[in-house]
C-alpha atoms as a PDB file:
ATOM      1  CA  MET A   1     -59.781  98.856 -89.747  1.00  0.00           C
ATOM      2  CA  THR A   2     -60.040 102.831 -88.596  1.00  0.00           C
ATOM      3  CA  THR A   3     -62.884 104.773 -89.374  1.00  0.00           C
ATOM      4  CA  THR A   4     -60.668 106.683 -92.168  1.00  0.00           C
ATOM      5  CA  ASP A   5     -59.768 103.081 -93.535  1.00  0.00           C
ATOM      6  CA  ALA A   6     -63.638 102.224 -93.376  1.00  0.00           C
ATOM      7  CA  LEU A   7     -64.916 105.595 -95.145  1.00  0.00           C
ATOM      8  CA  ALA A   8     -61.906 104.952 -97.753  1.00  0.00           C
ATOM      9  CA  SER A   9     -62.975 101.526 -98.600  1.00  0.00           C
ATOM     10  CA  ILE A  10     -66.806 102.676 -99.046  1.00  0.00           C
ATOM     11  CA  ALA A  11     -65.755 105.083-101.197  1.00  0.00           C
ATOM     12  CA  GLU A  12     -63.613 102.922-103.546  1.00  0.00           C
ATOM     13  CA  ARG A  13     -66.091 100.222-103.564  1.00  0.00           C
ATOM     14  CA  GLY A  14     -69.192 102.011-103.966  1.00  0.00           C
ATOM     15  CA  ALA A  15     -71.602  99.206-102.861  1.00  0.00           C
ATOM     16  CA  LEU A  16     -71.851  97.479 -99.663  1.00  0.00           C
ATOM     17  CA  ASP A  17     -72.070  93.720 -99.421  1.00  0.00           C
ATOM     18  CA  LEU A  18     -74.099  92.570 -95.862  1.00  0.00           C
ATOM     19  CA  HIS A  19     -71.404  89.443 -95.813  1.00  0.00           C
ATOM     20  CA  LYS A  20     -68.437  91.061 -97.536  1.00  0.00           C
ATOM     21  CA  SER A  21     -67.742  94.589 -96.120  1.00  0.00           C
ATOM     22  CA  SER A  22     -66.360  95.312 -92.646  1.00  0.00           C
ATOM     23  CA  CYS A  23     -68.033  95.705 -89.730  1.00  0.00           C
ATOM     24  CA  GLU A  24     -66.938  99.241 -89.452  1.00  0.00           C
ATOM     25  CA  GLU A  25     -68.386 100.107 -93.019  1.00  0.00           C
ATOM     26  CA  LEU A  26     -71.726  98.651 -92.257  1.00  0.00           C
ATOM     27  CA  GLN A  27     -71.939 100.579 -88.810  1.00  0.00           C
ATOM     28  CA  ILE A  28     -70.873 103.911 -90.660  1.00  0.00           C
ATOM     29  CA  ALA A  29     -73.511 103.455 -93.292  1.00  0.00           C
ATOM     30  CA  ARG A  30     -76.328 102.502 -90.327  1.00  0.00           C
ATOM     31  CA  VAL A  31     -77.018  99.298 -92.092  1.00  0.00           C
ATOM     32  CA  TYR A  32     -75.600  97.465 -88.437  1.00  0.00           C
ATOM     33  CA  THR A  33     -77.272  99.548 -85.482  1.00  0.00           C
ATOM     34  CA  ARG A  34     -75.834  97.120 -82.993  1.00  0.00           C
ATOM     35  CA  HIS A  35     -72.691  97.018 -81.355  1.00  0.00           C
ATOM     36  CA  GLN A  36     -69.953  94.591 -82.415  1.00  0.00           C
ATOM     37  CA  THR A  37     -69.546  91.723 -79.566  1.00  0.00           C
ATOM     38  CA  ALA A  38     -65.835  91.267 -78.374  1.00  0.00           C
ATOM     39  CA  VAL A  39     -65.073  88.485 -75.721  1.00  0.00           C
ATOM     40  CA  CYS A  40     -61.851  87.657 -74.093  1.00  0.00           C
ATOM     41  CA  LEU A  41     -62.220  84.096 -73.236  1.00  0.00           C
ATOM     42  CA  ALA A  42     -58.419  84.069 -71.647  1.00  0.00           C
ATOM     43  CA  ASN A  43     -60.307  84.228 -67.998  1.00  0.00           C
ATOM     44  CA  GLY A  44     -62.537  81.660 -68.385  1.00  0.00           C
ATOM     45  CA  TYR A  45     -65.852  80.473 -69.981  1.00  0.00           C
ATOM     46  CA  ASN A  46     -68.533  81.564 -67.605  1.00  0.00           C
ATOM     47  CA  SER A  47     -71.591  82.937 -69.918  1.00  0.00           C
ATOM     48  CA  GLU A  48     -72.676  85.837 -67.560  1.00  0.00           C
ATOM     49  CA  ASP A  49     -69.525  87.723 -68.372  1.00  0.00           C
ATOM     50  CA  ASP A  50     -70.712  88.255 -72.221  1.00  0.00           C
ATOM     51  CA  LYS A  51     -72.353  91.144 -72.625  1.00  0.00           C
ATOM     52  CA  SER A  52     -74.697  91.910 -75.663  1.00  0.00           C
ATOM     53  CA  ASP A  53     -76.961  94.829 -76.673  1.00  0.00           C
ATOM     54  CA  GLU A  54     -80.432  94.949 -75.121  1.00  0.00           C
ATOM     55  CA  ASP A  55     -82.966  93.416 -76.683  1.00  0.00           C
ATOM     56  CA  GLU A  56     -85.206  96.069 -78.923  1.00  0.00           C
ATOM     57  CA  GLU A  57     -88.516  96.902 -78.504  1.00  0.00           C
ATOM     58  CA  ASP A  58     -89.774  96.406 -81.728  1.00  0.00           C
ATOM     59  CA  GLY A  59     -89.248  92.801 -81.116  1.00  0.00           C
ATOM     60  CA  VAL A  60     -91.484  92.062 -78.428  1.00  0.00           C
ATOM     61  CA  LEU A  61     -94.427  89.923 -79.036  1.00  0.00           C
ATOM     62  CA  TYR A  62     -98.201  90.889 -77.888  1.00  0.00           C
ATOM     63  CA  SER A  63    -100.811  88.118 -77.652  1.00  0.00           C
ATOM     64  CA  GLU A  64    -104.701  88.306 -77.227  1.00  0.00           C
ATOM     65  CA  ARG A  65    -106.856  85.624 -76.208  1.00  0.00           C
ATOM     66  CA  LEU A  66    -110.427  85.298 -76.340  1.00  0.00           C
ATOM     67  CA  PHE A  67    -112.981  82.385 -75.205  1.00  0.00           C
ATOM     68  CA  HIS A  68    -116.458  81.345 -75.706  1.00  0.00           C
ATOM     69  CA  ASP A  69    -118.762  81.183 -72.765  1.00  0.00           C
ATOM     70  CA  ASN A  70    -118.185  77.461 -72.260  1.00  0.00           C
ATOM     71  CA  GLY A  71    -114.617  78.059 -71.845  1.00  0.00           C
ATOM     72  CA  ASN A  72    -113.334  77.017 -75.110  1.00  0.00           C
ATOM     73  CA  ASN A  73    -111.379  79.164 -77.311  1.00  0.00           C
ATOM     74  CA  LYS A  74    -112.375  81.588 -79.130  1.00  0.00           C
ATOM     75  CA  PHE A  75    -109.840  83.909 -80.744  1.00  0.00           C
ATOM     76  CA  PHE A  76    -106.145  83.997 -80.695  1.00  0.00           C
ATOM     77  CA  ARG A  77    -103.713  86.435 -81.989  1.00  0.00           C
ATOM     78  CA  THR A  78     -99.574  87.131 -81.511  1.00  0.00           C
ATOM     79  CA  TYR A  79     -98.647  90.133 -83.241  1.00  0.00           C
ATOM     80  CA  GLN A  80     -95.596  93.100 -83.016  1.00  0.00           C
ATOM     81  CA  ILE A  81     -96.184  96.775 -83.005  1.00  0.00           C
ATOM     82  CA  LEU A  82     -93.871  98.246 -85.813  1.00  0.00           C
ATOM     83  CA  PRO A  83     -93.146 101.635 -84.806  1.00  0.00           C
ATOM     84  CA  ALA A  84     -94.006 104.796 -86.438  1.00  0.00           C
ATOM     85  CA  VAL A  85     -91.226 105.895 -89.128  1.00  0.00           C
ATOM     86  CA  GLY A  86     -91.181 109.767 -90.753  1.00  0.00           C
ATOM     87  CA  MET A  87     -94.672 109.950 -92.014  1.00  0.00           C
ATOM     88  CA  GLN A  88     -95.752 106.167 -91.720  1.00  0.00           C
ATOM     89  CA  HIS A  89     -97.756 105.562 -88.511  1.00  0.00           C
ATOM     90  CA  ALA A  90     -97.146 102.869 -86.060  1.00  0.00           C
ATOM     91  CA  ALA A  91     -98.953  99.758 -87.083  1.00  0.00           C
ATOM     92  CA  GLN A  92     -99.509  95.929 -85.590  1.00  0.00           C
ATOM     93  CA  ARG A  93     -97.494  93.169 -87.516  1.00  0.00           C
ATOM     94  CA  LEU A  94     -99.744  89.997 -87.517  1.00  0.00           C
ATOM     95  CA  ILE A  95     -97.646  86.903 -86.605  1.00  0.00           C
ATOM     96  CA  GLU A  96    -100.076  84.416 -86.270  1.00  0.00           C
ATOM     97  CA  GLU A  97    -104.307  84.255 -85.725  1.00  0.00           C
ATOM     98  CA  LYS A  98    -106.741  81.518 -85.336  1.00  0.00           C
ATOM     99  CA  HIS A  99    -110.423  81.368 -85.163  1.00  0.00           C
ATOM    100  CA  PHE A 100    -112.504  78.794 -83.040  1.00  0.00           C
ATOM    101  CA  ASP A 101    -116.130  77.967 -83.183  1.00  0.00           C
ATOM    102  CA  VAL A 102    -118.106  77.186 -79.614  1.00  0.00           C
ATOM    103  CA  GLY A 103    -116.940  73.380 -80.030  1.00  0.00           C
ATOM    104  CA  GLY A 104    -113.629  74.462 -79.657  1.00  0.00           C
ATOM    105  CA  VAL A 105    -112.734  73.588 -83.362  1.00  0.00           C
ATOM    106  CA  CYS A 106    -110.012  75.776 -85.389  1.00  0.00           C
ATOM    107  CA  ARG A 107    -112.093  77.283 -88.268  1.00  0.00           C
ATOM    108  CA  VAL A 108    -109.479  79.856 -89.388  1.00  0.00           C
ATOM    109  CA  ASP A 109    -105.474  79.594 -89.009  1.00  0.00           C
ATOM    110  CA  VAL A 110    -103.513  82.611 -90.432  1.00  0.00           C
ATOM    111  CA  HIS A 111     -99.687  82.741 -90.326  1.00  0.00           C
ATOM    112  CA  TYR A 112     -97.031  85.328 -91.242  1.00  0.00           C
ATOM    113  CA  ALA A 113     -93.926  84.123 -89.871  1.00  0.00           C
ATOM    114  CA  LEU A 114     -91.105  86.620 -89.157  1.00  0.00           C
ATOM    115  CA  GLY A 115     -88.641  87.850 -91.931  1.00  0.00           C
ATOM    116  CA  GLN A 116     -90.706  86.434 -94.856  1.00  0.00           C
ATOM    117  CA  PRO A 117     -92.921  88.193 -97.266  1.00  0.00           C
ATOM    118  CA  TYR A 118     -95.699  85.392 -97.405  1.00  0.00           C
ATOM    119  CA  LEU A 119     -98.771  84.880 -95.340  1.00  0.00           C
ATOM    120  CA  SER A 120    -100.728  81.474 -95.374  1.00  0.00           C
ATOM    121  CA  ARG A 121    -104.610  81.385 -94.541  1.00  0.00           C
ATOM    122  CA  LYS A 122    -106.579  77.996 -94.161  1.00  0.00           C
ATOM    123  CA  HIS A 123    -110.134  77.429 -93.413  1.00  0.00           C
ATOM    124  CA  PHE A 124    -111.416  74.351 -91.699  1.00  0.00           C
ATOM    125  CA  TYR A 125    -114.588  72.311 -91.649  1.00  0.00           C
ATOM    126  CA  GLU A 126    -116.685  71.722 -88.460  1.00  0.00           C
ATOM    127  CA  ASN A 127    -115.233  67.846 -88.822  1.00  0.00           C
ATOM    128  CA  GLN A 128    -111.648  69.611 -88.660  1.00  0.00           C
ATOM    129  CA  ARG A 129    -111.165  68.244 -92.237  1.00  0.00           C
ATOM    130  CA  LEU A 130    -109.274  70.912 -94.318  1.00  0.00           C
ATOM    131  CA  LYS A 131    -111.870  73.458 -96.367  1.00  0.00           C
ATOM    132  CA  SER A 132    -109.337  75.845 -98.371  1.00  0.00           C
ATOM    133  CA  GLU A 133    -105.451  76.772 -98.063  1.00  0.00           C
ATOM    134  CA  GLN A 134    -104.289  80.034 -99.847  1.00  0.00           C
ATOM    135  CA  LEU A 135    -100.933  81.863 -99.912  1.00  0.00           C
ATOM    136  CA  PHE A 136    -100.327  85.777-100.133  1.00  0.00           C
ATOM    137  CA  PHE A 137     -97.461  88.083-100.987  1.00  0.00           C
ATOM    138  CA  VAL A 138     -97.357  90.725 -98.474  1.00  0.00           C
ATOM    139  CA  GLU A 139     -96.406  93.656-100.121  1.00  0.00           C
ATOM    140  CA  ASN A 140     -96.598  96.275 -97.093  1.00  0.00           C
ATOM    141  CA  GLU A 141     -96.914  95.132 -93.768  1.00  0.00           C
ATOM    142  CA  ARG A 142     -98.058  98.131 -92.491  1.00  0.00           C
ATOM    143  CA  THR A 143    -101.205  98.618 -94.867  1.00  0.00           C
ATOM    144  CA  MET A 144    -101.377  94.409 -95.711  1.00  0.00           C
ATOM    145  CA  LYS A 145    -101.702  95.061 -99.206  1.00  0.00           C
ATOM    146  CA  ALA A 146    -101.308  91.626-100.844  1.00  0.00           C
ATOM    147  CA  ARG A 147    -101.618  89.637-103.627  1.00  0.00           C
ATOM    148  CA  LYS A 148    -102.487  85.661-104.404  1.00  0.00           C
ATOM    149  CA  VAL A 149     -99.341  83.522-105.095  1.00  0.00           C
ATOM    150  CA  GLY A 150     -98.436  79.917-105.156  1.00  0.00           C
ATOM    151  CA  HIS A 151    -101.248  77.019-104.989  1.00  0.00           C
ATOM    152  CA  TRP A 152    -104.714  77.936-103.777  1.00  0.00           C
ATOM    153  CA  ARG A 153    -106.618  75.070-103.160  1.00  0.00           C
ATOM    154  CA  GLU A 154    -110.364  73.940-101.917  1.00  0.00           C
ATOM    155  CA  TYR A 155    -111.603  70.906-100.581  1.00  0.00           C
ATOM    156  CA  TYR A 156    -115.219  69.009 -99.979  1.00  0.00           C
ATOM    157  CA  GLU A 157    -116.482  68.306 -96.429  1.00  0.00           C
ATOM    158  CA  GLY A 158    -115.263  64.761 -97.452  1.00  0.00           C
ATOM    159  CA  GLY A 159    -111.504  65.485 -97.939  1.00  0.00           C
ATOM    160  CA  ASN A 160    -111.554  65.101-101.641  1.00  0.00           C
ATOM    161  CA  ILE A 161    -110.259  68.164-103.405  1.00  0.00           C
ATOM    162  CA  LYS A 162    -112.700  70.951-105.314  1.00  0.00           C
ATOM    163  CA  SER A 163    -110.453  73.313-106.952  1.00  0.00           C
ATOM    164  CA  GLU A 164    -106.745  73.983-107.300  1.00  0.00           C
ATOM    165  CA  LEU A 165    -105.351  77.210-108.947  1.00  0.00           C
ATOM    166  CA  LYS A 166    -101.781  78.456-109.149  1.00  0.00           C
ATOM    167  CA  TYR A 167    -100.850  82.084-109.362  1.00  0.00           C
ATOM    168  CA  GLY A 168     -97.567  83.728-110.194  1.00  0.00           C
ATOM    169  CA  GLU A 169     -95.580  86.488-108.514  1.00  0.00           C
ATOM    170  CA  ASN A 170     -97.928  88.841-110.687  1.00  0.00           C
ATOM    171  CA  GLY A 171    -101.181  87.522-108.879  1.00  0.00           C
ATOM    172  CA  ILE A 172    -102.430  86.050-112.127  1.00  0.00           C
ATOM    173  CA  CYS A 173    -103.346  82.543-112.840  1.00  0.00           C
ATOM    174  CA  LEU A 174    -100.582  80.402-114.093  1.00  0.00           C
ATOM    175  CA  CYS A 175    -100.129  76.610-115.352  1.00  0.00           C
ATOM    176  CA  PHE A 176    -103.550  74.476-115.293  1.00  0.00           C
ATOM    177  CA  CYS A 177    -106.218  75.169-113.075  1.00  0.00           C
ATOM    178  CA  LYS A 178    -108.742  72.587-112.338  1.00  0.00           C
ATOM    179  CA  ARG A 179    -112.130  72.205-110.651  1.00  0.00           C
ATOM    180  CA  TYR A 180    -113.861  68.654-109.573  1.00  0.00           C
ATOM    181  CA  SER A 181    -116.531  67.270-108.876  1.00  0.00           C
ATOM    182  CA  GLU A 182    -117.476  65.679-105.444  1.00  0.00           C
ATOM    183  CA  ASP A 183    -116.685  62.618-106.690  1.00  0.00           C
ATOM    184  CA  ARG A 184    -113.501  63.411-107.875  1.00  0.00           C
ATOM    185  CA  GLY A 185    -114.465  64.050-111.567  1.00  0.00           C
ATOM    186  CA  LEU A 186    -112.868  66.963-113.333  1.00  0.00           C
ATOM    187  CA  GLU A 187    -115.227  69.469-114.264  1.00  0.00           C
ATOM    188  CA  TRP A 188    -113.557  72.220-115.672  1.00  0.00           C
ATOM    189  CA  VAL A 189    -110.075  72.842-116.682  1.00  0.00           C
ATOM    190  CA  LYS A 190    -107.750  75.501-118.114  1.00  0.00           C
ATOM    191  CA  ASP A 191    -104.063  75.862-119.561  1.00  0.00           C
ATOM    192  CA  TYR A 192    -103.639  79.523-118.857  1.00  0.00           C
ATOM    193  CA  THR A 193     -99.833  79.139-119.806  1.00  0.00           C
ATOM    194  CA  LYS A 194    -100.544  78.243-122.894  1.00  0.00           C
ATOM    195  CA  ASP A 195    -102.866  81.123-123.793  1.00  0.00           C
ATOM    196  CA  TYR A 196    -100.393  83.792-122.539  1.00  0.00           C
ATOM    197  CA  ILE A 197     -97.836  82.320-125.030  1.00  0.00           C
ATOM    198  CA  GLU A 198     -99.805  82.247-127.736  1.00  0.00           C
ATOM    199  CA  ARG A 199    -100.702  86.178-126.770  1.00  0.00           C
ATOM    200  CA  LEU A 200     -97.373  87.196-126.116  1.00  0.00           C
ATOM    201  CA  THR A 201     -95.803  85.571-129.447  1.00  0.00           C
ATOM    202  CA  GLU A 202     -98.562  87.290-131.403  1.00  0.00           C
ATOM    203  CA  PHE A 203     -97.763  90.443-129.740  1.00  0.00           C
ATOM    204  CA  ASN A 204     -93.785  90.084-130.142  1.00  0.00           C
ATOM    205  CA  ALA A 205     -94.571  88.933-133.876  1.00  0.00           C
ATOM    206  CA  LYS A 206     -96.531  92.542-134.302  1.00  0.00           C
ATOM    207  CA  LYS A 207     -93.908  94.784-132.650  1.00  0.00           C
ATOM    208  CA  GLY A 208     -91.028  93.410-134.495  1.00  0.00           C
ATOM    209  CA  LYS A 209     -93.113  94.328-138.028  1.00  0.00           C
ATOM    210  CA  LEU A 210     -93.131  97.750-137.046  1.00  0.00           C
ATOM    211  CA  ASP A 211     -90.101  99.843-137.922  1.00  0.00           C
ATOM    212  CA  PHE A 212     -89.697 103.517-136.722  1.00  0.00           C
ATOM    213  CA  SER A 213     -87.553 106.256-137.376  1.00  0.00           C
ATOM    214  CA  ILE A 214     -86.206 108.028-134.121  1.00  0.00           C
ATOM    215  CA  GLU A 215     -88.390 110.973-134.686  1.00  0.00           C
ATOM    216  CA  GLU A 216     -91.318 109.057-135.187  1.00  0.00           C
ATOM    217  CA  ALA A 217     -90.900 106.881-132.291  1.00  0.00           C
ATOM    218  CA  ALA A 218     -90.564 109.990-130.343  1.00  0.00           C
ATOM    219  CA  ARG A 219     -93.571 111.226-131.876  1.00  0.00           C
ATOM    220  CA  LEU A 220     -95.654 108.197-130.700  1.00  0.00           C
ATOM    221  CA  LEU A 221     -94.262 108.489-127.224  1.00  0.00           C
ATOM    222  CA  GLY A 222     -96.210 112.344-127.282  1.00  0.00           C
ATOM    223  CA  PHE A 223     -92.989 114.029-127.903  1.00  0.00           C
ATOM    224  CA  VAL A 224     -93.943 117.145-130.690  1.00  0.00           C
ATOM    225  CA  ASP A 225     -91.885 118.848-132.930  1.00  0.00           C
ATOM    226  CA  GLY A 226     -89.191 117.061-133.241  1.00  0.00           C
ATOM    227  CA  LYS A 227     -88.217 117.200-129.894  1.00  0.00           C
ATOM    228  CA  LEU A 228     -86.258 114.037-128.521  1.00  0.00           C
ATOM    229  CA  PRO A 229     -86.410 112.897-124.857  1.00  0.00           C
ATOM    230  CA  GLN A 230     -83.009 113.408-122.985  1.00  0.00           C
ATOM    231  CA  ASP A 231     -82.015 109.984-121.875  1.00  0.00           C
ATOM    232  CA  SER A 232     -83.527 106.461-121.603  1.00  0.00           C
ATOM    233  CA  ASN A 233     -85.322 107.363-117.932  1.00  0.00           C
ATOM    234  CA  GLU A 234     -87.334 109.946-119.701  1.00  0.00           C
ATOM    235  CA  VAL A 235     -88.088 107.315-122.350  1.00  0.00           C
ATOM    236  CA  ASP A 236     -89.786 105.175-119.830  1.00  0.00           C
ATOM    237  CA  ARG A 237     -91.115 107.997-117.671  1.00  0.00           C
ATOM    238  CA  ILE A 238     -93.469 109.211-120.387  1.00  0.00           C
ATOM    239  CA  TYR A 239     -93.624 105.361-121.569  1.00  0.00           C
ATOM    240  CA  ARG A 240     -95.484 104.160-118.649  1.00  0.00           C
ATOM    241  CA  LYS A 241     -97.541 107.439-118.912  1.00  0.00           C
ATOM    242  CA  ARG A 242     -98.409 106.601-122.212  1.00  0.00           C
ATOM    243  CA  CYS A 243     -99.356 103.246-121.346  1.00  0.00           C
ATOM    244  CA  MET A 244    -101.889 103.763-118.533  1.00  0.00           C
ATOM    245  CA  PRO A 245    -104.734 105.074-120.088  1.00  0.00           C
ATOM    246  CA  LEU A 246    -104.532 101.782-122.196  1.00  0.00           C
ATOM    247  CA  HIS A 247    -105.032  99.203-119.743  1.00  0.00           C
ATOM    248  CA  PRO A 248    -107.754  97.173-120.048  1.00  0.00           C
ATOM    249  CA  ASP A 249    -109.105  98.067-116.556  1.00  0.00           C
ATOM    250  CA  LYS A 250    -109.101 101.608-118.025  1.00  0.00           C
ATOM    251  CA  SER A 251    -109.706 101.699-121.792  1.00  0.00           C
ATOM    252  CA  PRO A 252    -112.826 100.293-123.663  1.00  0.00           C
ATOM    253  CA  ASP A 253    -111.167 100.929-126.815  1.00  0.00           C
ATOM    254  CA  PRO A 254    -110.796  97.664-128.971  1.00  0.00           C
ATOM    255  CA  ASP A 255    -107.699  99.145-130.860  1.00  0.00           C
ATOM    256  CA  ALA A 256    -105.990  99.698-127.362  1.00  0.00           C
ATOM    257  CA  ASN A 257    -104.199  96.553-127.714  1.00  0.00           C
ATOM    258  CA  GLU A 258    -102.593  97.819-131.217  1.00  0.00           C
ATOM    259  CA  LYS A 259    -102.009 101.149-129.766  1.00  0.00           C
ATOM    260  CA  PHE A 260     -99.700  99.589-126.969  1.00  0.00           C
ATOM    261  CA  ILE A 261     -97.706  97.597-129.365  1.00  0.00           C
ATOM    262  CA  GLU A 262     -96.751 100.688-131.396  1.00  0.00           C
ATOM    263  CA  VAL A 263     -95.836 102.355-127.843  1.00  0.00           C
ATOM    264  CA  SER A 264     -93.876  99.642-126.822  1.00  0.00           C
ATOM    265  CA  ARG A 265     -92.074  99.500-130.510  1.00  0.00           C
ATOM    266  CA  ALA A 266     -91.447 103.101-130.225  1.00  0.00           C
ATOM    267  CA  ARG A 267     -89.835 102.818-126.817  1.00  0.00           C
ATOM    268  CA  GLU A 268     -87.673  99.804-128.159  1.00  0.00           C
ATOM    269  CA  VAL A 269     -86.207 102.043-130.819  1.00  0.00           C
ATOM    270  CA  LEU A 270     -85.322 105.030-128.597  1.00  0.00           C
ATOM    271  CA  LEU A 271     -83.666 102.733-125.909  1.00  0.00           C
ATOM    272  CA  LYS A 272     -82.044 101.159-128.615  1.00  0.00           C
ATOM    273  CA  HIS A 273     -80.752 104.681-129.897  1.00  0.00           C
ATOM    274  CA  PHE A 274     -79.683 105.928-126.374  1.00  0.00           C
ATOM    275  CA  ALA A 275     -77.642 102.417-125.941  1.00  0.00           C
ATOM    276  CA  THR A 276     -75.781 102.855-129.172  1.00  0.00           C
ATOM    277  CA  GLY A 277     -75.481 106.803-128.900  1.00  0.00           C
END
């Protein structure tokens, strides 16, 4: 495929696909930044004749290691250097980190494998039994902003489970969460999913009872004097702005929930208006 053909193909399809688009298309779009390997096997199979691009600098792994006075491991860390991009400064991208006590027992073990957004953290007792295991979804590799996800568990020193919590992708507790006594007796349990479903059903039922005209919906979202939004994007933008002060962390107003129901219904009415208009 020539460069002209590749450009024509990009223009025709619009969207590129990592596996279906041609090498030329992905190189022109700067998705592929390495050369395509072309090997001639007519003259034999000597691997020393194969030519490949040089390894990128940002793939280099660095390690740090500290020791206690008695020679035992104290600290071990492996990381990569993320180069500066635009206004973002260079940063260290953690891969593995371990902390050891003076006796050489690993007390903290952190893994953040390459190519995925999940970081795991485990703590251990002096007897090497697991103390806790936790999982995070890392939203930003440079700032390491993260939220809790998956199963979080704590254990007693004897090995029995102390607590188990489950977090969803939003970082909120889901399903059954439990806490146990040291002799394995169940001390506390909460089914958060049941509560969420009940509240969601109540919210949707209240919203469904509200019937607004287009003008009333626009007024509730803050458009005055009969003015209507330009499109659905403007509706969503104003909706987010109106919802922000109603967040439980920002509003002590006991009627905030009812106001949110009205604003949500108003948004729904306007989006339906644009979808059918």
